[in-house]
Amino acid sequence: MNSTTITTIASAAGAIITIISFAYFMFRNLKTDITTKIDDVKKDLNGLETKLTTRIDDVKKDLSGLEIKLTTRIDRLETRLDTRLSSIEAKIDKFVYDIAATKIKNAIKE
């Protein structure tokens, strides 16, 4: 082997080492970037989970309040309907009584 061949081999080896070093550096930076992104996504997901949990609790409270309001409203409507039905029943009973009384008066007149 002559000195030119040795120099060429040494230059090629130096270039390969430089390429490998650069590739390693780039891979290490890429790995750090990916790890950082994964951590950021985890933080975002944890924040979203907290927000959703809080929102779910708020919605449950809202629904519970609506249920109480609806139940109260339904109870009031039932009471009003019962009162009106009782009034209508009383009017019907009076009407039936008046018809019977009128029939009796008509029968007596004849």
Foldseek 3Di string as FASTA:
>chain_A
DDPVVVVVVVVVVVVVVVVVVVVVVVVVVVVVVVVVVVVVVVVVVVVVVVVVVVVVVVVVVVVVVVVVVVVVVVVVVVVVVVVVVVVVVVVVVVVVVVVVVVVVVVVVVD
